[in-house]
Amino acid sequence: MNQIPTQLRYKIPKDHAFPLNSKALSEALIDVPQYSELSAIFRFGDEYSLSSYRYKLRMQEPVTILKATYSRLRTRHSSPNKFIEQGLYEPKWTITLTALPKEYLSISSSLLKEEALPKLQEWLMKTGPLMGYETHSIAFIFDLYKKKLTHRASIRR
């Protein structure tokens, strides 16, 4: 089995770890139709900024720890040919995992495996092969205080 390729992996502090690895993601998502198109990003920080991520950790606020996104940019008359040739306007399926302090690793990993990965697999199956120019995503948010996982799906046009 080929694993989902890692597109980017951030360096993380020694007291942080990723709640899932590429192997666990690959095993859980092997049967989805987009499998060969998926890539993974392992990041430190959240989708906004590193300072907001650190603030959320300090205040034990909810943090997005897993997010799957489909995006396809629309080419314009002003779109550079080199970007088109590099595939920047091709459809992309990306899974982003966020590192957490190790004290949350056990519970977050269990919640992702038990709750998030089955929901993610279901979402990918339901979403199917998209060809539009919108952005579809599903995010799994870990509440550091309550130690619970929630999710939200969205479509941006």
N, C-alpha and C. Protein backbone atom coordinates (compact mmCIF):
# COMPACT_ATOMS: atom_id res chain seq x y z
N MET A 1 0.85 -1.19 0.00
CA MET A 1 0.00 0.00 0.00
C MET A 1 0.89 1.24 0.00
N ASN A 2 0.63 2.13 -0.95
CA ASN A 2 1.31 3.42 -0.95
C ASN A 2 0.67 4.31 0.08
N GLN A 3 1.50 4.98 0.87
CA GLN A 3 0.98 5.91 1.87
C GLN A 3 0.64 7.24 1.22
N ILE A 4 -0.23 7.97 1.87
CA ILE A 4 -0.56 9.32 1.43
C ILE A 4 0.73 10.14 1.50
N PRO A 5 1.12 10.78 0.40
CA PRO A 5 2.38 11.53 0.42
C PRO A 5 2.30 12.77 1.30
N THR A 6 3.42 13.06 1.96
CA THR A 6 3.52 14.25 2.79
C THR A 6 3.98 15.41 1.93
N GLN A 7 3.15 16.42 1.83
CA GLN A 7 3.45 17.61 1.05
C GLN A 7 4.38 18.54 1.82
N LEU A 8 4.15 18.64 3.14
CA LEU A 8 4.93 19.56 3.98
C LEU A 8 4.89 19.06 5.41
N ARG A 9 6.03 19.12 6.09
CA ARG A 9 6.10 18.71 7.50
C ARG A 9 6.89 19.78 8.25
N TYR A 10 6.20 20.47 9.16
CA TYR A 10 6.83 21.52 9.96
C TYR A 10 7.70 20.89 11.04
N LYS A 11 8.75 21.60 11.41
CA LYS A 11 9.51 21.22 12.59
C LYS A 11 8.68 21.60 13.80
N ILE A 12 8.66 20.73 14.80
CA ILE A 12 7.85 21.00 15.98
C ILE A 12 8.72 20.93 17.24
N PRO A 13 8.31 21.62 18.30
CA PRO A 13 9.06 21.55 19.56
C PRO A 13 9.05 20.12 20.12
N LYS A 14 10.03 19.81 20.95
CA LYS A 14 10.14 18.46 21.53
C LYS A 14 8.96 18.07 22.40
N ASP A 15 8.26 19.05 22.97
CA ASP A 15 7.13 18.74 23.85
C ASP A 15 5.80 18.64 23.08
N HIS A 16 5.86 18.61 21.75
CA HIS A 16 4.69 18.46 20.90
C HIS A 16 4.82 17.19 20.05
N ALA A 17 3.70 16.71 19.55
CA ALA A 17 3.69 15.55 18.66
C ALA A 17 2.43 15.60 17.81
N PHE A 18 2.44 14.84 16.72
CA PHE A 18 1.26 14.75 15.86
C PHE A 18 0.38 13.60 16.36
N PRO A 19 -0.92 13.83 16.48
CA PRO A 19 -1.81 12.79 17.00
C PRO A 19 -1.98 11.59 16.06
N LEU A 20 -1.69 11.76 14.78
CA LEU A 20 -1.74 10.67 13.80
C LEU A 20 -0.51 10.78 12.91
N ASN A 21 -0.13 9.66 12.32
CA ASN A 21 0.96 9.70 11.34
C ASN A 21 0.39 9.35 9.96
N SER A 22 1.23 9.42 8.97
CA SER A 22 0.81 9.18 7.59
C SER A 22 0.29 7.75 7.41
N LYS A 23 0.88 6.81 8.11
CA LYS A 23 0.44 5.41 8.00
C LYS A 23 -1.00 5.25 8.51
N ALA A 24 -1.30 5.83 9.67
CA ALA A 24 -2.66 5.74 10.23
C ALA A 24 -3.68 6.39 9.31
N LEU A 25 -3.32 7.55 8.74
CA LEU A 25 -4.21 8.22 7.78
C LEU A 25 -4.45 7.35 6.56
N SER A 26 -3.37 6.81 6.04
CA SER A 26 -3.45 5.99 4.83
C SER A 26 -4.31 4.75 5.04
N GLU A 27 -4.11 4.07 6.15
CA GLU A 27 -4.89 2.87 6.44
C GLU A 27 -6.38 3.18 6.58
N ALA A 28 -6.69 4.31 7.19
CA ALA A 28 -8.10 4.68 7.41
C ALA A 28 -8.79 5.12 6.12
N LEU A 29 -8.02 5.68 5.18
CA LEU A 29 -8.64 6.28 4.00
C LEU A 29 -8.37 5.53 2.69
N ILE A 30 -7.81 4.35 2.78
CA ILE A 30 -7.42 3.58 1.59
C ILE A 30 -8.58 3.36 0.61
N ASP A 31 -9.81 3.28 1.11
CA ASP A 31 -10.95 2.95 0.25
C ASP A 31 -11.68 4.16 -0.35
N VAL A 32 -11.23 5.38 -0.06
CA VAL A 32 -11.94 6.54 -0.60
C VAL A 32 -11.53 6.76 -2.06
N PRO A 33 -12.46 7.28 -2.89
CA PRO A 33 -12.15 7.44 -4.31
C PRO A 33 -11.02 8.44 -4.59
N GLN A 34 -10.78 9.37 -3.67
CA GLN A 34 -9.74 10.39 -3.88
C GLN A 34 -8.37 9.96 -3.36
N TYR A 35 -8.23 8.72 -2.91
CA TYR A 35 -7.01 8.29 -2.23
C TYR A 35 -5.73 8.68 -2.98
N SER A 36 -5.69 8.42 -4.27
CA SER A 36 -4.47 8.69 -5.05
C SER A 36 -4.21 10.19 -5.21
N GLU A 37 -5.21 11.02 -4.93
CA GLU A 37 -5.05 12.47 -5.07
C GLU A 37 -4.76 13.17 -3.74
N LEU A 38 -4.82 12.44 -2.64
CA LEU A 38 -4.62 13.05 -1.32
C LEU A 38 -3.16 13.36 -1.05
N SER A 39 -2.93 14.44 -0.32
CA SER A 39 -1.59 14.74 0.20
C SER A 39 -1.78 15.24 1.63
N ALA A 40 -0.72 15.13 2.43
CA ALA A 40 -0.83 15.50 3.84
C ALA A 40 0.14 16.61 4.20
N ILE A 41 -0.30 17.47 5.10
CA ILE A 41 0.54 18.53 5.66
C ILE A 41 0.52 18.34 7.17
N PHE A 42 1.70 18.27 7.76
CA PHE A 42 1.83 18.15 9.21
C PHE A 42 2.36 19.50 9.69
N ARG A 43 1.54 20.24 10.41
CA ARG A 43 1.89 21.62 10.74
C ARG A 43 1.98 21.87 12.23
N PHE A 44 2.67 22.95 12.54
CA PHE A 44 2.74 23.45 13.90
C PHE A 44 2.05 24.81 13.88
N GLY A 45 1.00 24.96 14.67
CA GLY A 45 0.23 26.20 14.65
C GLY A 45 -1.10 25.94 13.99
N ASP A 46 -1.97 26.93 14.04
CA ASP A 46 -3.29 26.73 13.44
C ASP A 46 -3.40 27.45 12.11
N GLU A 47 -4.62 27.49 11.59
CA GLU A 47 -4.82 28.06 10.26
C GLU A 47 -4.68 29.58 10.22
N TYR A 48 -4.60 30.22 11.37
CA TYR A 48 -4.51 31.68 11.41
C TYR A 48 -3.09 32.16 11.65
N SER A 49 -2.53 31.83 12.81
CA SER A 49 -1.16 32.25 13.09
C SER A 49 -0.61 31.44 14.25
N LEU A 50 0.68 31.46 14.37
CA LEU A 50 1.33 30.74 15.46
C LEU A 50 0.99 31.37 16.81
N SER A 51 0.88 32.69 16.85
CA SER A 51 0.57 33.34 18.13
C SER A 51 -0.86 33.02 18.58
N SER A 52 -1.82 32.94 17.65
CA SER A 52 -3.19 32.60 18.05
C SER A 52 -3.26 31.14 18.50
N TYR A 53 -2.44 30.29 17.89
CA TYR A 53 -2.38 28.88 18.29
C TYR A 53 -1.82 28.76 19.71
N ARG A 54 -0.75 29.45 19.98
CA ARG A 54 -0.16 29.40 21.33
C ARG A 54 -1.13 29.97 22.36
N TYR A 55 -1.86 31.02 22.00
CA TYR A 55 -2.85 31.59 22.90
C TYR A 55 -3.94 30.56 23.21
N LYS A 56 -4.42 29.87 22.16
CA LYS A 56 -5.45 28.85 22.35
C LYS A 56 -4.96 27.74 23.28
N LEU A 57 -3.71 27.34 23.11
CA LEU A 57 -3.16 26.30 23.97
C LEU A 57 -3.10 26.78 25.42
N ARG A 58 -2.61 27.99 25.60
CA ARG A 58 -2.47 28.55 26.95
C ARG A 58 -3.83 28.68 27.64
N MET A 59 -4.84 29.08 26.91
CA MET A 59 -6.18 29.30 27.47
C MET A 59 -7.05 28.05 27.37
N GLN A 60 -6.50 26.96 26.86
CA GLN A 60 -7.21 25.69 26.68
C GLN A 60 -8.48 25.86 25.83
N GLU A 61 -8.33 26.61 24.76
CA GLU A 61 -9.44 26.81 23.83
C GLU A 61 -9.42 25.72 22.74
N PRO A 62 -10.52 25.53 22.04
CA PRO A 62 -10.56 24.52 20.97
C PRO A 62 -9.57 24.84 19.84
N VAL A 63 -8.97 23.77 19.31
CA VAL A 63 -7.96 23.88 18.26
C VAL A 63 -8.32 22.90 17.14
N THR A 64 -8.24 23.36 15.89
CA THR A 64 -8.44 22.47 14.75
C THR A 64 -7.22 21.57 14.63
N ILE A 65 -7.43 20.26 14.78
CA ILE A 65 -6.28 19.35 14.73
C ILE A 65 -6.26 18.49 13.47
N LEU A 66 -7.38 18.43 12.75
CA LEU A 66 -7.42 17.69 11.49
C LEU A 66 -8.38 18.42 10.57
N LYS A 67 -7.93 18.64 9.33
CA LYS A 67 -8.78 19.33 8.36
C LYS A 67 -8.51 18.73 6.98
N ALA A 68 -9.58 18.40 6.28
CA ALA A 68 -9.47 17.93 4.90
C ALA A 68 -10.08 18.98 4.00
N THR A 69 -9.42 19.26 2.90
CA THR A 69 -9.86 20.32 2.00
C THR A 69 -9.74 19.90 0.54
N TYR A 70 -10.77 20.22 -0.22
CA TYR A 70 -10.72 20.13 -1.67
C TYR A 70 -10.73 21.56 -2.18
N SER A 71 -9.80 21.90 -3.06
CA SER A 71 -9.82 23.24 -3.64
C SER A 71 -9.38 23.18 -5.10
N ARG A 72 -9.93 24.09 -5.85
CA ARG A 72 -9.55 24.25 -7.25
C ARG A 72 -9.69 25.72 -7.59
N LEU A 73 -8.60 26.31 -7.96
CA LEU A 73 -8.61 27.74 -8.31
C LEU A 73 -9.06 27.90 -9.75
N ARG A 74 -9.77 28.97 -10.00
CA ARG A 74 -10.24 29.30 -11.35
C ARG A 74 -9.13 30.08 -12.07
N THR A 75 -8.81 29.65 -13.28
CA THR A 75 -7.83 30.39 -14.06
C THR A 75 -8.48 31.67 -14.60
N ARG A 76 -7.70 32.69 -14.67
CA ARG A 76 -8.15 33.99 -15.18
C ARG A 76 -7.27 34.37 -16.38
N HIS A 77 -7.64 35.44 -17.05
CA HIS A 77 -6.81 35.92 -18.16
C HIS A 77 -5.43 36.32 -17.67
N SER A 78 -5.37 36.76 -16.42
CA SER A 78 -4.09 37.21 -15.88
C SER A 78 -3.30 36.10 -15.17
N SER A 79 -3.82 34.86 -15.20
CA SER A 79 -3.13 33.75 -14.55
C SER A 79 -1.82 33.46 -15.29
N PRO A 80 -0.70 33.48 -14.57
CA PRO A 80 0.59 33.22 -15.23
C PRO A 80 0.65 31.80 -15.79
N ASN A 81 1.14 31.68 -17.01
CA ASN A 81 1.26 30.37 -17.65
C ASN A 81 2.12 29.41 -16.83
N LYS A 82 3.16 29.95 -16.20
CA LYS A 82 4.04 29.07 -15.42
C LYS A 82 3.29 28.45 -14.24
N PHE A 83 2.34 29.19 -13.65
CA PHE A 83 1.54 28.64 -12.55
C PHE A 83 0.59 27.56 -13.06
N ILE A 84 0.04 27.79 -14.26
CA ILE A 84 -0.84 26.80 -14.88
C ILE A 84 -0.05 25.53 -15.17
N GLU A 85 1.15 25.68 -15.73
CA GLU A 85 2.00 24.54 -16.06
C GLU A 85 2.45 23.79 -14.80
N GLN A 86 2.64 24.50 -13.69
CA GLN A 86 3.05 23.88 -12.43
C GLN A 86 1.89 23.17 -11.73
N GLY A 87 0.68 23.31 -12.25
CA GLY A 87 -0.47 22.61 -11.69
C GLY A 87 -1.16 23.33 -10.55
N LEU A 88 -0.89 24.62 -10.37
CA LEU A 88 -1.51 25.35 -9.27
C LEU A 88 -3.02 25.49 -9.41
N TYR A 89 -3.53 25.31 -10.62
CA TYR A 89 -4.96 25.46 -10.84
C TYR A 89 -5.67 24.11 -10.97
N GLU A 90 -4.95 23.05 -10.71
CA GLU A 90 -5.53 21.71 -10.73
C GLU A 90 -6.26 21.45 -9.41
N PRO A 91 -7.23 20.54 -9.42
CA PRO A 91 -7.92 20.20 -8.17
C PRO A 91 -6.93 19.61 -7.15
N LYS A 92 -7.11 19.97 -5.86
CA LYS A 92 -6.22 19.48 -4.81
C LYS A 92 -7.03 18.97 -3.62
N TRP A 93 -6.62 17.83 -3.11
CA TRP A 93 -7.19 17.24 -1.90
C TRP A 93 -6.08 17.22 -0.87
N THR A 94 -6.25 17.95 0.22
CA THR A 94 -5.21 18.07 1.23
C THR A 94 -5.77 17.73 2.61
N ILE A 95 -4.99 16.99 3.38
CA ILE A 95 -5.32 16.70 4.77
C ILE A 95 -4.25 17.35 5.63
N THR A 96 -4.69 18.20 6.55
CA THR A 96 -3.75 18.92 7.42
C THR A 96 -3.93 18.44 8.86
N LEU A 97 -2.82 18.04 9.46
CA LEU A 97 -2.80 17.63 10.87
C LEU A 97 -1.98 18.64 11.65
N THR A 98 -2.46 19.00 12.83
CA THR A 98 -1.78 19.98 13.67
C THR A 98 -1.17 19.30 14.89
N ALA A 99 0.07 19.63 15.19
CA ALA A 99 0.76 19.09 16.36
C ALA A 99 0.14 19.66 17.63
N LEU A 100 0.14 18.85 18.66
CA LEU A 100 -0.37 19.26 19.97
C LEU A 100 0.68 18.98 21.04
N PRO A 101 0.58 19.64 22.21
CA PRO A 101 1.45 19.27 23.32
C PRO A 101 1.24 17.79 23.65
N LYS A 102 2.30 17.10 24.02
CA LYS A 102 2.23 15.66 24.25
C LYS A 102 1.23 15.27 25.32
N GLU A 103 0.91 16.16 26.23
CA GLU A 103 -0.06 15.83 27.28
C GLU A 103 -1.45 15.53 26.71
N TYR A 104 -1.74 16.02 25.49
CA TYR A 104 -3.03 15.79 24.85
C TYR A 104 -2.97 14.67 23.81
N LEU A 105 -1.81 14.10 23.61
CA LEU A 105 -1.60 13.16 22.51
C LEU A 105 -2.47 11.92 22.61
N SER A 106 -2.54 11.30 23.75
CA SER A 106 -3.28 10.04 23.90
C SER A 106 -4.77 10.24 23.62
N ILE A 107 -5.37 11.20 24.26
CA ILE A 107 -6.81 11.42 24.09
C ILE A 107 -7.14 11.92 22.67
N SER A 108 -6.33 12.84 22.14
CA SER A 108 -6.61 13.36 20.80
C SER A 108 -6.44 12.27 19.74
N SER A 109 -5.43 11.44 19.89
CA SER A 109 -5.20 10.35 18.95
C SER A 109 -6.37 9.36 18.97
N SER A 110 -6.83 9.01 20.17
CA SER A 110 -7.98 8.10 20.30
C SER A 110 -9.23 8.69 19.66
N LEU A 111 -9.51 9.95 19.95
CA LEU A 111 -10.69 10.60 19.39
C LEU A 111 -10.62 10.69 17.86
N LEU A 112 -9.45 10.98 17.34
CA LEU A 112 -9.31 11.04 15.89
C LEU A 112 -9.56 9.67 15.26
N LYS A 113 -9.00 8.63 15.85
CA LYS A 113 -9.17 7.29 15.29
C LYS A 113 -10.60 6.79 15.42
N GLU A 114 -11.22 7.04 16.57
CA GLU A 114 -12.56 6.52 16.83
C GLU A 114 -13.67 7.35 16.20
N GLU A 115 -13.50 8.68 16.16
CA GLU A 115 -14.57 9.55 15.69
C GLU A 115 -14.26 10.24 14.36
N ALA A 116 -13.11 10.88 14.28
CA ALA A 116 -12.82 11.72 13.12
C ALA A 116 -12.56 10.93 11.84
N LEU A 117 -11.73 9.91 11.91
CA LEU A 117 -11.39 9.19 10.68
C LEU A 117 -12.60 8.52 10.04
N PRO A 118 -13.51 7.89 10.81
CA PRO A 118 -14.72 7.37 10.15
C PRO A 118 -15.58 8.48 9.53
N LYS A 119 -15.69 9.62 10.21
CA LYS A 119 -16.47 10.74 9.65
C LYS A 119 -15.78 11.31 8.41
N LEU A 120 -14.45 11.39 8.46
CA LEU A 120 -13.69 11.90 7.31
C LEU A 120 -13.86 10.95 6.12
N GLN A 121 -13.77 9.67 6.36
CA GLN A 121 -13.96 8.70 5.29
C GLN A 121 -15.36 8.83 4.68
N GLU A 122 -16.36 8.95 5.53
CA GLU A 122 -17.74 9.13 5.07
C GLU A 122 -17.87 10.43 4.26
N TRP A 123 -17.26 11.51 4.72
CA TRP A 123 -17.32 12.80 4.03
C TRP A 123 -16.66 12.70 2.66
N LEU A 124 -15.51 12.04 2.59
CA LEU A 124 -14.81 11.89 1.31
C LEU A 124 -15.63 11.04 0.34
N MET A 125 -16.25 9.99 0.84
CA MET A 125 -17.09 9.13 -0.02
C MET A 125 -18.29 9.92 -0.54
N LYS A 126 -18.90 10.70 0.35
CA LYS A 126 -20.07 11.48 -0.03
C LYS A 126 -19.70 12.62 -0.97
N THR A 127 -18.58 13.25 -0.71
CA THR A 127 -18.14 14.38 -1.53
C THR A 127 -17.77 13.90 -2.92
N GLY A 128 -17.15 12.74 -3.00
CA GLY A 128 -16.84 12.12 -4.28
C GLY A 128 -15.91 12.96 -5.15
N PRO A 129 -15.89 12.65 -6.43
CA PRO A 129 -15.01 13.37 -7.34
C PRO A 129 -15.59 14.75 -7.69
N LEU A 130 -15.02 15.76 -7.16
CA LEU A 130 -15.49 17.13 -7.43
C LEU A 130 -14.74 17.72 -8.61
N MET A 131 -15.41 18.55 -9.35
CA MET A 131 -14.78 19.20 -10.49
C MET A 131 -15.00 20.71 -10.45
N GLY A 132 -15.76 21.19 -9.50
CA GLY A 132 -16.09 22.60 -9.45
C GLY A 132 -14.93 23.47 -8.96
N TYR A 133 -15.20 24.76 -8.91
CA TYR A 133 -14.17 25.71 -8.51
C TYR A 133 -14.35 26.19 -7.08
N GLU A 134 -15.18 25.53 -6.32
CA GLU A 134 -15.37 25.93 -4.93
C GLU A 134 -14.38 25.20 -4.03
N THR A 135 -14.37 25.56 -2.75
CA THR A 135 -13.53 24.90 -1.76
C THR A 135 -14.45 24.20 -0.77
N HIS A 136 -14.24 22.90 -0.61
CA HIS A 136 -14.99 22.10 0.34
C HIS A 136 -14.03 21.70 1.46
N SER A 137 -14.49 21.73 2.69
CA SER A 137 -13.62 21.30 3.78
C SER A 137 -14.42 20.72 4.92
N ILE A 138 -13.73 19.91 5.71
CA ILE A 138 -14.27 19.40 6.96
C ILE A 138 -13.15 19.53 7.98
N ALA A 139 -13.48 20.12 9.11
CA ALA A 139 -12.48 20.36 10.16
C ALA A 139 -12.91 19.66 11.44
N PHE A 140 -11.93 19.09 12.13
CA PHE A 140 -12.17 18.44 13.40
C PHE A 140 -11.47 19.26 14.47
N ILE A 141 -12.25 19.72 15.44
CA ILE A 141 -11.78 20.66 16.45
C ILE A 141 -11.72 19.95 17.80
N PHE A 142 -10.55 20.01 18.42
CA PHE A 142 -10.34 19.37 19.72
C PHE A 142 -10.44 20.43 20.80
N ASP A 143 -11.37 20.23 21.73
CA ASP A 143 -11.53 21.13 22.86
C ASP A 143 -10.56 20.69 23.94
N LEU A 144 -9.53 21.50 24.18
CA LEU A 144 -8.47 21.14 25.12
C LEU A 144 -8.99 21.04 26.56
N TYR A 145 -9.99 21.83 26.89
CA TYR A 145 -10.52 21.84 28.25
C TYR A 145 -11.47 20.66 28.49
N LYS A 146 -12.42 20.49 27.57
CA LYS A 146 -13.41 19.42 27.73
C LYS A 146 -12.91 18.07 27.22
N LYS A 147 -11.81 18.12 26.45
CA LYS A 147 -11.22 16.92 25.85
C LYS A 147 -12.24 16.18 24.98
N LYS A 148 -12.93 16.97 24.15
CA LYS A 148 -13.93 16.45 23.23
C LYS A 148 -13.62 16.91 21.82
N LEU A 149 -14.15 16.18 20.87
CA LEU A 149 -13.93 16.49 19.46
C LEU A 149 -15.25 16.87 18.81
N THR A 150 -15.24 17.95 18.04
CA THR A 150 -16.40 18.33 17.25
C THR A 150 -15.93 18.49 15.80
N HIS A 151 -16.87 18.66 14.89
CA HIS A 151 -16.47 18.87 13.50
C HIS A 151 -17.43 19.84 12.83
N ARG A 152 -16.95 20.42 11.74
CA ARG A 152 -17.80 21.29 10.92
C ARG A 152 -17.35 21.16 9.46
N ALA A 153 -18.33 21.14 8.59
CA ALA A 153 -18.06 21.07 7.15
C ALA A 153 -18.47 22.40 6.53
N SER A 154 -17.78 22.80 5.47
CA SER A 154 -18.13 24.06 4.83
C SER A 154 -17.83 24.00 3.32
N ILE A 155 -18.52 24.88 2.61
CA ILE A 155 -18.30 25.06 1.16
C ILE A 155 -18.15 26.55 0.92
N ARG A 156 -17.06 26.93 0.26
CA ARG A 156 -16.82 28.32 -0.13
C ARG A 156 -16.83 28.41 -1.63
N ARG A 157 -17.57 29.34 -2.14
CA ARG A 157 -17.63 29.48 -3.62
C ARG A 157 -16.86 30.68 -4.06
